[in-house]
Amino acid sequence: MIKAYAAHEPGGQLQPFEYDPGTLGDEEVEIKVEYCGICHSDLSMLDNEWGMTDYPFVPGHEVVGTIAALGDKVTTLNLGQRVGLGWFSGSCMTCEWCMSGNHNLCSNAEGTIVSRHGGFADKVRADYSWVVPLPDGINPATAGPLFCGGITVFNPIVQFDIKPSDRVGVIGIGGLGHIALGFLQAWGCEITAFSSSPDKEAEARELGATHFINSGDVNALESVQNSFDFILATANADLDWNAYIAALRPKGRLHFVGVIPNPLSTPIFPLILGQKSISASPVGSPATISQMINFAARQGVEPITETFSFEQVNEAMEKLRHGKPRYRLVLKHS
């Protein structure tokens, strides 16, 4: 039996819950959970914001742990090996997207917490192809958030061939944005942090920002027109997107990884004149996750986390819902 924490209704408290996972599949692994990050997506799923939550619901898709059991056909992982697991736990491995290395775009990909039980538990299962070994030099206590928040901001750096010579803006210095600053600094970019909280300037610079702009200052936004090759929007808020499009250089890109509340509305003419782009992306493929985790280990990129015991899961979820985490929350088995 697997011991977990589950909610039985939308927005409900997480309570001790046991379930029988059945026979381990030939290509599955069972992970003994050591740590599990808490992502805002866990909260959205708990509340059934996206209309696809099954109850009882066990959150958790930023898992770090060790391999406790291997399916008969798994040959690339070893018992006791420390690994990580993120948003996806499997994909079809036969469609054009899987076959081209874009497993994260598979229409049949299985979410770790969608129609299955996640990592707020002592164990969790996944297809071996989505289970990524942790390299030496990575801190397992803080690595969990890299498997969702980290790959969300790392994936576009790779997908759009961001260069060390590029001037990059990061909108929002929170759970995603603070990791983006670390990756982009290690990448060699000149980085401008955009935040509506002026008191975050000193910390944003410590995290890797070269420059800081108060996004609530209209004059400050106007002063950086025609400045950026790439702007990464991590905030979950409606902003003056036309001002950020104006801040792009020709061929520049405004890229979304945060889910903003309302549809975009922007004139097309500035995009045409500057050959500018607006785009968005999800998490990355297993290969990109592996690239990210090894890059993070080599460059010392580490999320800033607050740790709670699994017994404090409801307190941690409440802090995510109503508090101000700094910047990611992680559950730990005692």
C-alpha atoms as a PDB file:
ATOM      1  CA  MET A   1       0.000   0.000   0.000  1.00  0.00           C
ATOM      2  CA  ILE A   2       1.098   3.558  -0.719  1.00  0.00           C
ATOM      3  CA  LYS A   3       0.517   6.128   2.019  1.00  0.00           C
ATOM      4  CA  ALA A   4      -0.380   9.575   0.727  1.00  0.00           C
ATOM      5  CA  TYR A   5      -2.239  12.824   1.445  1.00  0.00           C
ATOM      6  CA  ALA A   6      -5.428  13.327  -0.527  1.00  0.00           C
ATOM      7  CA  ALA A   7      -8.309  15.775  -0.812  1.00  0.00           C
ATOM      8  CA  HIS A   8     -11.787  14.359  -1.329  1.00  0.00           C
ATOM      9  CA  GLU A   9     -13.462  17.498  -2.690  1.00  0.00           C
ATOM     10  CA  PRO A  10     -12.443  20.713  -4.491  1.00  0.00           C
ATOM     11  CA  GLY A  11     -10.400  22.920  -2.171  1.00  0.00           C
ATOM     12  CA  GLY A  12     -10.590  20.302   0.576  1.00  0.00           C
ATOM     13  CA  GLN A  13      -8.082  19.594   3.299  1.00  0.00           C
ATOM     14  CA  LEU A  14      -5.431  16.985   2.511  1.00  0.00           C
ATOM     15  CA  GLN A  15      -5.916  13.937   4.724  1.00  0.00           C
ATOM     16  CA  PRO A  16      -3.997  10.672   5.186  1.00  0.00           C
ATOM     17  CA  PHE A  17      -4.977   8.280   2.410  1.00  0.00           C
ATOM     18  CA  GLU A  18      -3.836   4.795   1.405  1.00  0.00           C
ATOM     19  CA  TYR A  19      -4.189   3.081  -1.940  1.00  0.00           C
ATOM     20  CA  ASP A  20      -3.050  -0.079  -3.675  1.00  0.00           C
ATOM     21  CA  PRO A  21      -1.133   0.839  -6.866  1.00  0.00           C
ATOM     22  CA  GLY A  22      -1.443  -2.681  -8.273  1.00  0.00           C
ATOM     23  CA  THR A  23       1.259  -4.600 -10.100  1.00  0.00           C
ATOM     24  CA  LEU A  24       4.249  -2.562 -11.229  1.00  0.00           C
ATOM     25  CA  GLY A  25       4.272  -2.213 -15.018  1.00  0.00           C
ATOM     26  CA  ASP A  26       7.161  -3.600 -17.074  1.00  0.00           C
ATOM     27  CA  GLU A  27       8.367  -0.076 -17.958  1.00  0.00           C
ATOM     28  CA  GLU A  28       7.448   1.593 -14.672  1.00  0.00           C
ATOM     29  CA  VAL A  29       9.552   2.507 -11.682  1.00  0.00           C
ATOM     30  CA  GLU A  30       8.471   3.116  -8.118  1.00  0.00           C
ATOM     31  CA  ILE A  31      10.126   6.072  -6.389  1.00  0.00           C
ATOM     32  CA  LYS A  32      10.505   6.305  -2.626  1.00  0.00           C
ATOM     33  CA  VAL A  33       9.739   9.984  -2.087  1.00  0.00           C
ATOM     34  CA  GLU A  34      12.236  12.023  -0.072  1.00  0.00           C
ATOM     35  CA  TYR A  35      11.102  15.532  -1.044  1.00  0.00           C
ATOM     36  CA  CYS A  36       8.251  16.979  -3.073  1.00  0.00           C
ATOM     37  CA  GLY A  37       7.954  20.595  -4.158  1.00  0.00           C
ATOM     38  CA  ILE A  38       4.600  22.367  -4.081  1.00  0.00           C
ATOM     39  CA  CYS A  39       3.691  24.093  -7.330  1.00  0.00           C
ATOM     40  CA  HIS A  40       0.805  26.484  -7.945  1.00  0.00           C
ATOM     41  CA  SER A  41      -0.504  23.849 -10.367  1.00  0.00           C
ATOM     42  CA  ASP A  42      -1.056  21.581  -7.355  1.00  0.00           C
ATOM     43  CA  LEU A  43      -3.320  24.265  -5.911  1.00  0.00           C
ATOM     44  CA  SER A  44      -5.144  24.741  -9.220  1.00  0.00           C
ATOM     45  CA  MET A  45      -5.734  20.997  -9.473  1.00  0.00           C
ATOM     46  CA  LEU A  46      -6.822  20.790  -5.826  1.00  0.00           C
ATOM     47  CA  ASP A  47      -9.462  23.450  -6.535  1.00  0.00           C
ATOM     48  CA  ASN A  48     -10.393  21.839  -9.889  1.00  0.00           C
ATOM     49  CA  GLU A  49      -9.787  25.169 -11.634  1.00  0.00           C
ATOM     50  CA  TRP A  50      -9.113  23.362 -14.906  1.00  0.00           C
ATOM     51  CA  GLY A  51     -12.049  20.976 -14.672  1.00  0.00           C
ATOM     52  CA  MET A  52      -9.983  17.801 -14.901  1.00  0.00           C
ATOM     53  CA  THR A  53      -9.349  16.778 -11.286  1.00  0.00           C
ATOM     54  CA  ASP A  54     -10.381  13.342 -10.042  1.00  0.00           C
ATOM     55  CA  TYR A  55     -11.011  12.822  -6.330  1.00  0.00           C
ATOM     56  CA  PRO A  56      -9.595  11.589  -4.084  1.00  0.00           C
ATOM     57  CA  PHE A  57      -6.784  13.807  -5.360  1.00  0.00           C
ATOM     58  CA  VAL A  58      -3.122  13.359  -4.363  1.00  0.00           C
ATOM     59  CA  PRO A  59      -1.040  16.398  -5.456  1.00  0.00           C
ATOM     60  CA  GLY A  60       2.702  16.514  -6.033  1.00  0.00           C
ATOM     61  CA  HIS A  61       4.706  16.660  -9.263  1.00  0.00           C
ATOM     62  CA  GLU A  62       8.109  17.988  -8.164  1.00  0.00           C
ATOM     63  CA  VAL A  63       9.404  14.735  -6.736  1.00  0.00           C
ATOM     64  CA  VAL A  64      12.896  13.812  -5.581  1.00  0.00           C
ATOM     65  CA  GLY A  65      13.544  10.343  -4.221  1.00  0.00           C
ATOM     66  CA  THR A  66      15.257   7.021  -4.754  1.00  0.00           C
ATOM     67  CA  ILE A  67      14.305   4.081  -6.948  1.00  0.00           C
ATOM     68  CA  ALA A  68      12.504   1.491  -4.784  1.00  0.00           C
ATOM     69  CA  ALA A  69      11.366  -0.912  -7.515  1.00  0.00           C
ATOM     70  CA  LEU A  70      11.975  -1.461 -11.226  1.00  0.00           C
ATOM     71  CA  GLY A  71       9.741  -2.926 -13.913  1.00  0.00           C
ATOM     72  CA  ASP A  72      11.086  -5.988 -15.709  1.00  0.00           C
ATOM     73  CA  LYS A  73      12.000  -4.048 -18.869  1.00  0.00           C
ATOM     74  CA  VAL A  74      13.710  -1.092 -17.168  1.00  0.00           C
ATOM     75  CA  THR A  75      17.460  -1.239 -17.781  1.00  0.00           C
ATOM     76  CA  THR A  76      18.563   2.409 -17.591  1.00  0.00           C
ATOM     77  CA  LEU A  77      17.929   3.025 -13.884  1.00  0.00           C
ATOM     78  CA  ASN A  78      19.122   1.259 -10.737  1.00  0.00           C
ATOM     79  CA  LEU A  79      17.651   0.444  -7.355  1.00  0.00           C
ATOM     80  CA  GLY A  80      18.583   3.109  -4.813  1.00  0.00           C
ATOM     81  CA  GLN A  81      19.458   5.672  -7.497  1.00  0.00           C
ATOM     82  CA  ARG A  82      18.324   9.230  -6.664  1.00  0.00           C
ATOM     83  CA  VAL A  83      16.005  10.638  -9.308  1.00  0.00           C
ATOM     84  CA  GLY A  84      13.493  13.384 -10.030  1.00  0.00           C
ATOM     85  CA  LEU A  85      10.009  13.389 -11.543  1.00  0.00           C
ATOM     86  CA  GLY A  86       8.030  16.359 -12.833  1.00  0.00           C
ATOM     87  CA  TRP A  87       4.677  17.220 -14.419  1.00  0.00           C
ATOM     88  CA  PHE A  88       4.588  14.241 -16.790  1.00  0.00           C
ATOM     89  CA  SER A  89       4.832  10.574 -15.799  1.00  0.00           C
ATOM     90  CA  GLY A  90       4.538   9.019 -19.244  1.00  0.00           C
ATOM     91  CA  SER A  91       3.919   9.569 -22.949  1.00  0.00           C
ATOM     92  CA  CYS A  92       2.945   7.320 -25.848  1.00  0.00           C
ATOM     93  CA  MET A  93       6.498   6.969 -27.286  1.00  0.00           C
ATOM     94  CA  THR A  94       5.081   6.392 -30.787  1.00  0.00           C
ATOM     95  CA  CYS A  95       3.610   9.708 -32.035  1.00  0.00           C
ATOM     96  CA  GLU A  96       5.568  12.171 -34.177  1.00  0.00           C
ATOM     97  CA  TRP A  97       6.228  14.371 -31.143  1.00  0.00           C
ATOM     98  CA  CYS A  98       7.653  11.597 -28.976  1.00  0.00           C
ATOM     99  CA  MET A  99       9.631  10.206 -31.899  1.00  0.00           C
ATOM    100  CA  SER A 100      11.142  13.648 -32.601  1.00  0.00           C
ATOM    101  CA  GLY A 101      12.185  14.141 -28.964  1.00  0.00           C
ATOM    102  CA  ASN A 102       9.306  16.468 -28.069  1.00  0.00           C
ATOM    103  CA  HIS A 103       7.641  14.100 -25.603  1.00  0.00           C
ATOM    104  CA  ASN A 104       6.232  17.059 -23.670  1.00  0.00           C
ATOM    105  CA  LEU A 105       3.991  17.868 -26.676  1.00  0.00           C
ATOM    106  CA  CYS A 106       2.511  14.350 -26.886  1.00  0.00           C
ATOM    107  CA  SER A 107      -1.289  14.583 -26.916  1.00  0.00           C
ATOM    108  CA  ASN A 108      -1.445  11.370 -24.863  1.00  0.00           C
ATOM    109  CA  ALA A 109       1.143  12.361 -22.267  1.00  0.00           C
ATOM    110  CA  GLU A 110       0.175  11.422 -18.704  1.00  0.00           C
ATOM    111  CA  GLY A 111       0.261  14.135 -16.064  1.00  0.00           C
ATOM    112  CA  THR A 112       1.703  12.987 -12.746  1.00  0.00           C
ATOM    113  CA  ILE A 113      -1.345  14.400 -10.932  1.00  0.00           C
ATOM    114  CA  VAL A 114      -3.935  14.065 -13.722  1.00  0.00           C
ATOM    115  CA  SER A 115      -6.089  10.931 -13.346  1.00  0.00           C
ATOM    116  CA  ARG A 116      -3.384   9.400 -11.173  1.00  0.00           C
ATOM    117  CA  HIS A 117      -1.929   9.888  -7.692  1.00  0.00           C
ATOM    118  CA  GLY A 118       1.064  12.196  -7.267  1.00  0.00           C
ATOM    119  CA  GLY A 119       4.018  12.695  -4.986  1.00  0.00           C
ATOM    120  CA  PHE A 120       2.425  13.896  -1.730  1.00  0.00           C
ATOM    121  CA  ALA A 121       3.062  10.334  -0.623  1.00  0.00           C
ATOM    122  CA  ASP A 122       5.728   7.922   0.559  1.00  0.00           C
ATOM    123  CA  LYS A 123       5.983   6.457  -2.953  1.00  0.00           C
ATOM    124  CA  VAL A 124       4.961   7.369  -6.488  1.00  0.00           C
ATOM    125  CA  ARG A 125       5.128   5.555  -9.828  1.00  0.00           C
ATOM    126  CA  ALA A 126       6.019   6.692 -13.340  1.00  0.00           C
ATOM    127  CA  ASP A 127       7.193   5.423 -16.692  1.00  0.00           C
ATOM    128  CA  TYR A 128      10.985   5.152 -16.585  1.00  0.00           C
ATOM    129  CA  SER A 129      11.364   7.469 -19.591  1.00  0.00           C
ATOM    130  CA  TRP A 130      10.249  10.495 -17.539  1.00  0.00           C
ATOM    131  CA  VAL A 131      12.354   9.683 -14.473  1.00  0.00           C
ATOM    132  CA  VAL A 132      15.583  11.692 -14.541  1.00  0.00           C
ATOM    133  CA  PRO A 133      18.705  10.793 -12.517  1.00  0.00           C
ATOM    134  CA  LEU A 134      20.071  13.517 -10.258  1.00  0.00           C
ATOM    135  CA  PRO A 135      23.731  14.323 -10.939  1.00  0.00           C
ATOM    136  CA  ASP A 136      26.371  14.764  -8.272  1.00  0.00           C
ATOM    137  CA  GLY A 137      26.483  18.341  -7.041  1.00  0.00           C
ATOM    138  CA  ILE A 138      22.729  18.914  -6.988  1.00  0.00           C
ATOM    139  CA  ASN A 139      21.067  19.479  -3.616  1.00  0.00           C
ATOM    140  CA  PRO A 140      18.204  16.952  -3.350  1.00  0.00           C
ATOM    141  CA  ALA A 141      16.469  19.082  -0.715  1.00  0.00           C
ATOM    142  CA  THR A 142      15.949  21.951  -3.176  1.00  0.00           C
ATOM    143  CA  ALA A 143      15.985  20.139  -6.528  1.00  0.00           C
ATOM    144  CA  GLY A 144      12.265  19.279  -6.621  1.00  0.00           C
ATOM    145  CA  PRO A 145      11.085  22.686  -7.924  1.00  0.00           C
ATOM    146  CA  LEU A 146      13.490  22.382 -10.851  1.00  0.00           C
ATOM    147  CA  PHE A 147      11.364  19.527 -12.230  1.00  0.00           C
ATOM    148  CA  CYS A 148       8.433  21.847 -12.927  1.00  0.00           C
ATOM    149  CA  GLY A 149       9.255  25.498 -12.220  1.00  0.00           C
ATOM    150  CA  GLY A 150      12.860  25.114 -13.348  1.00  0.00           C
ATOM    151  CA  ILE A 151      12.201  23.301 -16.606  1.00  0.00           C
ATOM    152  CA  THR A 152       9.354  25.703 -17.409  1.00  0.00           C
ATOM    153  CA  VAL A 153      11.811  28.610 -17.591  1.00  0.00           C
ATOM    154  CA  PHE A 154      14.782  26.602 -18.924  1.00  0.00           C
ATOM    155  CA  ASN A 155      12.901  25.047 -21.844  1.00  0.00           C
ATOM    156  CA  PRO A 156      12.438  28.312 -23.815  1.00  0.00           C
ATOM    157  CA  ILE A 157      16.128  29.185 -23.384  1.00  0.00           C
ATOM    158  CA  VAL A 158      16.913  26.023 -25.335  1.00  0.00           C
ATOM    159  CA  GLN A 159      13.944  26.083 -27.723  1.00  0.00           C
ATOM    160  CA  PHE A 160      14.613  29.624 -28.927  1.00  0.00           C
ATOM    161  CA  ASP A 161      18.405  29.386 -28.939  1.00  0.00           C
ATOM    162  CA  ILE A 162      18.962  32.218 -26.478  1.00  0.00           C
ATOM    163  CA  LYS A 163      22.555  33.437 -26.837  1.00  0.00           C
ATOM    164  CA  PRO A 164      24.912  34.724 -24.140  1.00  0.00           C
ATOM    165  CA  SER A 165      25.041  38.006 -26.046  1.00  0.00           C
ATOM    166  CA  ASP A 166      21.233  38.458 -25.870  1.00  0.00           C
ATOM    167  CA  ARG A 167      19.535  41.080 -23.765  1.00  0.00           C
ATOM    168  CA  VAL A 168      16.736  39.344 -21.876  1.00  0.00           C
ATOM    169  CA  GLY A 169      13.921  40.615 -19.680  1.00  0.00           C
ATOM    170  CA  VAL A 170      12.176  38.577 -16.979  1.00  0.00           C
ATOM    171  CA  ILE A 171       8.708  39.711 -15.894  1.00  0.00           C
ATOM    172  CA  GLY A 172       7.832  38.664 -12.357  1.00  0.00           C
ATOM    173  CA  ILE A 173      10.382  37.736  -9.690  1.00  0.00           C
ATOM    174  CA  GLY A 174       8.589  34.895  -7.942  1.00  0.00           C
ATOM    175  CA  GLY A 175       8.613  31.121  -7.993  1.00  0.00           C
ATOM    176  CA  LEU A 176       9.442  30.924 -11.705  1.00  0.00           C
ATOM    177  CA  GLY A 177      11.175  34.238 -12.221  1.00  0.00           C
ATOM    178  CA  HIS A 178      13.819  33.830  -9.541  1.00  0.00           C
ATOM    179  CA  ILE A 179      14.942  30.523 -11.107  1.00  0.00           C
ATOM    180  CA  ALA A 180      14.963  32.153 -14.559  1.00  0.00           C
ATOM    181  CA  LEU A 181      17.358  34.834 -13.290  1.00  0.00           C
ATOM    182  CA  GLY A 182      19.773  32.142 -12.100  1.00  0.00           C
ATOM    183  CA  PHE A 183      19.698  30.221 -15.366  1.00  0.00           C
ATOM    184  CA  LEU A 184      20.050  33.317 -17.559  1.00  0.00           C
ATOM    185  CA  GLN A 185      22.930  34.683 -15.511  1.00  0.00           C
ATOM    186  CA  ALA A 186      24.735  31.340 -15.843  1.00  0.00           C
ATOM    187  CA  TRP A 187      23.913  31.439 -19.579  1.00  0.00           C
ATOM    188  CA  GLY A 188      25.786  34.737 -19.817  1.00  0.00           C
ATOM    189  CA  CYS A 189      22.897  37.044 -20.737  1.00  0.00           C
ATOM    190  CA  GLU A 190      22.384  40.675 -19.780  1.00  0.00           C
ATOM    191  CA  ILE A 191      19.193  40.486 -17.717  1.00  0.00           C
ATOM    192  CA  THR A 192      16.596  43.062 -16.734  1.00  0.00           C
ATOM    193  CA  ALA A 193      14.155  42.091 -13.995  1.00  0.00           C
ATOM    194  CA  PHE A 194      10.676  43.608 -14.238  1.00  0.00           C
ATOM    195  CA  SER A 195       8.686  43.657 -11.001  1.00  0.00           C
ATOM    196  CA  SER A 196       5.809  45.655  -9.566  1.00  0.00           C
ATOM    197  CA  SER A 197       7.526  45.360  -6.157  1.00  0.00           C
ATOM    198  CA  PRO A 198      10.374  47.913  -5.954  1.00  0.00           C
ATOM    199  CA  ASP A 199      11.552  46.318  -2.702  1.00  0.00           C
ATOM    200  CA  LYS A 200      12.628  43.263  -4.697  1.00  0.00           C
ATOM    201  CA  GLU A 201      15.368  45.147  -6.546  1.00  0.00           C
ATOM    202  CA  ALA A 202      18.281  44.257  -4.268  1.00  0.00           C
ATOM    203  CA  GLU A 203      17.362  40.577  -4.190  1.00  0.00           C
ATOM    204  CA  ALA A 204      16.727  40.466  -7.946  1.00  0.00           C
ATOM    205  CA  ARG A 205      20.243  41.759  -8.510  1.00  0.00           C
ATOM    206  CA  GLU A 206      21.652  39.189  -6.085  1.00  0.00           C
ATOM    207  CA  LEU A 207      19.796  36.472  -8.014  1.00  0.00           C
ATOM    208  CA  GLY A 208      21.393  37.511 -11.305  1.00  0.00           C
ATOM    209  CA  ALA A 209      19.624  40.579 -12.699  1.00  0.00           C
ATOM    210  CA  THR A 210      21.885  43.166 -14.310  1.00  0.00           C
ATOM    211  CA  HIS A 211      19.160  45.822 -14.265  1.00  0.00           C
ATOM    212  CA  PHE A 212      15.849  46.313 -12.471  1.00  0.00           C
ATOM    213  CA  ILE A 213      12.720  48.116 -13.634  1.00  0.00           C
ATOM    214  CA  ASN A 214       9.641  48.889 -11.580  1.00  0.00           C
ATOM    215  CA  SER A 215       6.955  47.665 -13.967  1.00  0.00           C
ATOM    216  CA  GLY A 216       4.440  50.021 -12.392  1.00  0.00           C
ATOM    217  CA  ASP A 217       6.468  53.020 -13.595  1.00  0.00           C
ATOM    218  CA  VAL A 218       5.220  53.946 -17.078  1.00  0.00           C
ATOM    219  CA  ASN A 219       8.230  56.175 -17.741  1.00  0.00           C
ATOM    220  CA  ALA A 220      10.618  53.373 -16.828  1.00  0.00           C
ATOM    221  CA  LEU A 221       8.922  51.028 -19.315  1.00  0.00           C
ATOM    222  CA  GLU A 222       9.073  53.667 -22.038  1.00  0.00           C
ATOM    223  CA  SER A 223      12.783  54.166 -21.389  1.00  0.00           C
ATOM    224  CA  VAL A 224      13.603  50.603 -22.530  1.00  0.00           C
ATOM    225  CA  GLN A 225      11.789  50.588 -25.860  1.00  0.00           C
ATOM    226  CA  ASN A 226      13.654  48.675 -28.587  1.00  0.00           C
ATOM    227  CA  SER A 227      15.965  47.046 -26.023  1.00  0.00           C
ATOM    228  CA  PHE A 228      15.355  43.294 -25.688  1.00  0.00           C
ATOM    229  CA  ASP A 229      15.919  40.219 -27.793  1.00  0.00           C
ATOM    230  CA  PHE A 230      13.717  38.098 -25.549  1.00  0.00           C
ATOM    231  CA  ILE A 231      11.274  38.814 -22.737  1.00  0.00           C
ATOM    232  CA  LEU A 232      10.116  35.942 -20.522  1.00  0.00           C
ATOM    233  CA  ALA A 233       6.756  36.550 -18.836  1.00  0.00           C
ATOM    234  CA  THR A 234       6.468  34.447 -15.681  1.00  0.00           C
ATOM    235  CA  ALA A 235       3.786  36.501 -13.911  1.00  0.00           C
ATOM    236  CA  ASN A 236       0.171  35.306 -13.642  1.00  0.00           C
ATOM    237  CA  ALA A 237      -1.238  38.811 -14.094  1.00  0.00           C
ATOM    238  CA  ASP A 238      -2.646  41.042 -16.807  1.00  0.00           C
ATOM    239  CA  LEU A 239      -0.077  43.695 -17.707  1.00  0.00           C
ATOM    240  CA  ASP A 240       0.427  46.319 -20.400  1.00  0.00           C
ATOM    241  CA  TRP A 241       1.668  43.813 -22.967  1.00  0.00           C
ATOM    242  CA  ASN A 242       1.900  46.449 -25.696  1.00  0.00           C
ATOM    243  CA  ALA A 243       4.560  48.216 -23.631  1.00  0.00           C
ATOM    244  CA  TYR A 244       6.594  45.013 -23.480  1.00  0.00           C
ATOM    245  CA  ILE A 245       6.175  44.429 -27.212  1.00  0.00           C
ATOM    246  CA  ALA A 246       7.484  47.959 -27.730  1.00  0.00           C
ATOM    247  CA  ALA A 247      10.473  47.048 -25.544  1.00  0.00           C
ATOM    248  CA  LEU A 248      11.490  44.302 -27.995  1.00  0.00           C
ATOM    249  CA  ARG A 249      14.124  44.834 -30.627  1.00  0.00           C
ATOM    250  CA  PRO A 250      13.387  43.767 -34.232  1.00  0.00           C
ATOM    251  CA  LYS A 251      12.948  39.968 -34.328  1.00  0.00           C
ATOM    252  CA  GLY A 252      12.410  40.023 -30.568  1.00  0.00           C
ATOM    253  CA  ARG A 253      10.068  37.617 -28.793  1.00  0.00           C
ATOM    254  CA  LEU A 254       7.635  37.990 -25.890  1.00  0.00           C
ATOM    255  CA  HIS A 255       7.264  34.516 -24.410  1.00  0.00           C
ATOM    256  CA  PHE A 256       4.725  33.363 -21.833  1.00  0.00           C
ATOM    257  CA  VAL A 257       5.204  30.643 -19.234  1.00  0.00           C
ATOM    258  CA  GLY A 258       2.824  32.185 -16.697  1.00  0.00           C
ATOM    259  CA  VAL A 259      -0.916  31.712 -17.181  1.00  0.00           C
ATOM    260  CA  ILE A 260      -2.385  35.198 -17.399  1.00  0.00           C
ATOM    261  CA  PRO A 261      -6.096  35.559 -16.511  1.00  0.00           C
ATOM    262  CA  ASN A 262      -7.396  37.153 -19.706  1.00  0.00           C
ATOM    263  CA  PRO A 263      -6.827  36.834 -23.477  1.00  0.00           C
ATOM    264  CA  LEU A 264      -4.174  38.955 -25.136  1.00  0.00           C
ATOM    265  CA  SER A 265      -5.258  41.919 -27.202  1.00  0.00           C
ATOM    266  CA  THR A 266      -2.532  43.657 -29.146  1.00  0.00           C
ATOM    267  CA  PRO A 267      -2.214  45.564 -32.435  1.00  0.00           C
ATOM    268  CA  ILE A 268      -0.602  43.472 -35.150  1.00  0.00           C
ATOM    269  CA  PHE A 269       1.155  46.349 -36.925  1.00  0.00           C
ATOM    270  CA  PRO A 270       4.039  46.677 -34.390  1.00  0.00           C
ATOM    271  CA  LEU A 271       4.615  42.918 -34.691  1.00  0.00           C
ATOM    272  CA  ILE A 272       4.731  43.132 -38.488  1.00  0.00           C
ATOM    273  CA  LEU A 273       7.003  46.186 -38.578  1.00  0.00           C
ATOM    274  CA  GLY A 274       9.550  44.641 -36.209  1.00  0.00           C
ATOM    275  CA  GLN A 275       9.033  41.022 -37.234  1.00  0.00           C
ATOM    276  CA  LYS A 276       8.333  40.377 -33.559  1.00  0.00           C
ATOM    277  CA  SER A 277       6.775  37.245 -32.053  1.00  0.00           C
ATOM    278  CA  ILE A 278       4.497  36.243 -29.185  1.00  0.00           C
ATOM    279  CA  SER A 279       4.719  32.643 -27.997  1.00  0.00           C
ATOM    280  CA  ALA A 280       4.302  30.288 -25.057  1.00  0.00           C
ATOM    281  CA  SER A 281       5.574  26.895 -23.920  1.00  0.00           C
ATOM    282  CA  PRO A 282       4.983  24.122 -21.359  1.00  0.00           C
ATOM    283  CA  VAL A 283       7.570  22.063 -19.485  1.00  0.00           C
ATOM    284  CA  GLY A 284      10.323  20.337 -21.467  1.00  0.00           C
ATOM    285  CA  SER A 285      11.061  16.850 -22.732  1.00  0.00           C
ATOM    286  CA  PRO A 286      12.982  14.311 -20.631  1.00  0.00           C
ATOM    287  CA  ALA A 287      16.147  15.142 -22.590  1.00  0.00           C
ATOM    288  CA  THR A 288      15.746  18.860 -21.874  1.00  0.00           C
ATOM    289  CA  ILE A 289      15.013  18.156 -18.202  1.00  0.00           C
ATOM    290  CA  SER A 290      18.233  16.135 -18.022  1.00  0.00           C
ATOM    291  CA  GLN A 291      20.132  18.955 -19.742  1.00  0.00           C
ATOM    292  CA  MET A 292      18.669  21.454 -17.272  1.00  0.00           C
ATOM    293  CA  ILE A 293      19.434  19.446 -14.142  1.00  0.00           C
ATOM    294  CA  ASN A 294      23.022  18.855 -15.222  1.00  0.00           C
ATOM    295  CA  PHE A 295      23.446  22.537 -16.117  1.00  0.00           C
ATOM    296  CA  ALA A 296      22.033  23.527 -12.717  1.00  0.00           C
ATOM    297  CA  ALA A 297      24.482  21.195 -10.957  1.00  0.00           C
ATOM    298  CA  ARG A 298      27.444  22.488 -12.955  1.00  0.00           C
ATOM    299  CA  GLN A 299      26.555  26.171 -12.558  1.00  0.00           C
ATOM    300  CA  GLY A 300      25.209  26.062  -9.006  1.00  0.00           C
ATOM    301  CA  VAL A 301      21.697  27.204  -9.913  1.00  0.00           C
ATOM    302  CA  GLU A 302      19.439  26.401  -6.963  1.00  0.00           C
ATOM    303  CA  PRO A 303      15.870  27.451  -6.152  1.00  0.00           C
ATOM    304  CA  ILE A 304      15.266  29.363  -2.937  1.00  0.00           C
ATOM    305  CA  THR A 305      12.965  27.162  -0.872  1.00  0.00           C
ATOM    306  CA  GLU A 306      11.069  26.897   2.407  1.00  0.00           C
ATOM    307  CA  THR A 307      10.738  23.390   3.829  1.00  0.00           C
ATOM    308  CA  PHE A 308       7.771  21.828   5.622  1.00  0.00           C
ATOM    309  CA  SER A 309       7.310  18.268   6.854  1.00  0.00           C
ATOM    310  CA  PHE A 310       4.684  16.175   5.065  1.00  0.00           C
ATOM    311  CA  GLU A 311       2.637  16.326   8.259  1.00  0.00           C
ATOM    312  CA  GLN A 312       2.473  20.113   7.727  1.00  0.00           C
ATOM    313  CA  VAL A 313       1.087  19.739   4.192  1.00  0.00           C
ATOM    314  CA  ASN A 314      -2.073  21.769   4.829  1.00  0.00           C
ATOM    315  CA  GLU A 315      -0.099  24.562   6.474  1.00  0.00           C
ATOM    316  CA  ALA A 316       2.197  24.646   3.436  1.00  0.00           C
ATOM    317  CA  MET A 317      -0.711  24.698   0.991  1.00  0.00           C
ATOM    318  CA  GLU A 318      -2.318  27.516   2.950  1.00  0.00           C
ATOM    319  CA  LYS A 319       0.896  29.520   2.726  1.00  0.00           C
ATOM    320  CA  LEU A 320       0.934  29.012  -1.031  1.00  0.00           C
ATOM    321  CA  ARG A 321      -2.708  30.084  -1.274  1.00  0.00           C
ATOM    322  CA  HIS A 322      -2.620  33.151   0.974  1.00  0.00           C
ATOM    323  CA  GLY A 323       0.986  33.818   1.939  1.00  0.00           C
ATOM    324  CA  LYS A 324       4.133  34.945   0.199  1.00  0.00           C
ATOM    325  CA  PRO A 325       6.452  31.950  -0.220  1.00  0.00           C
ATOM    326  CA  ARG A 326      10.130  32.683  -0.706  1.00  0.00           C
ATOM    327  CA  TYR A 327      10.139  31.413  -3.347  1.00  0.00           C
ATOM    328  CA  ARG A 328       9.204  27.710  -3.581  1.00  0.00           C
ATOM    329  CA  LEU A 329       7.797  25.364  -0.950  1.00  0.00           C
ATOM    330  CA  VAL A 330       9.104  21.827  -0.444  1.00  0.00           C
ATOM    331  CA  LEU A 331       7.722  18.965   1.630  1.00  0.00           C
ATOM    332  CA  LYS A 332      10.171  16.631   3.366  1.00  0.00           C
ATOM    333  CA  HIS A 333       9.705  13.191   4.895  1.00  0.00           C
ATOM    334  CA  SER A 334      10.995  13.121   8.462  1.00  0.00           C
END
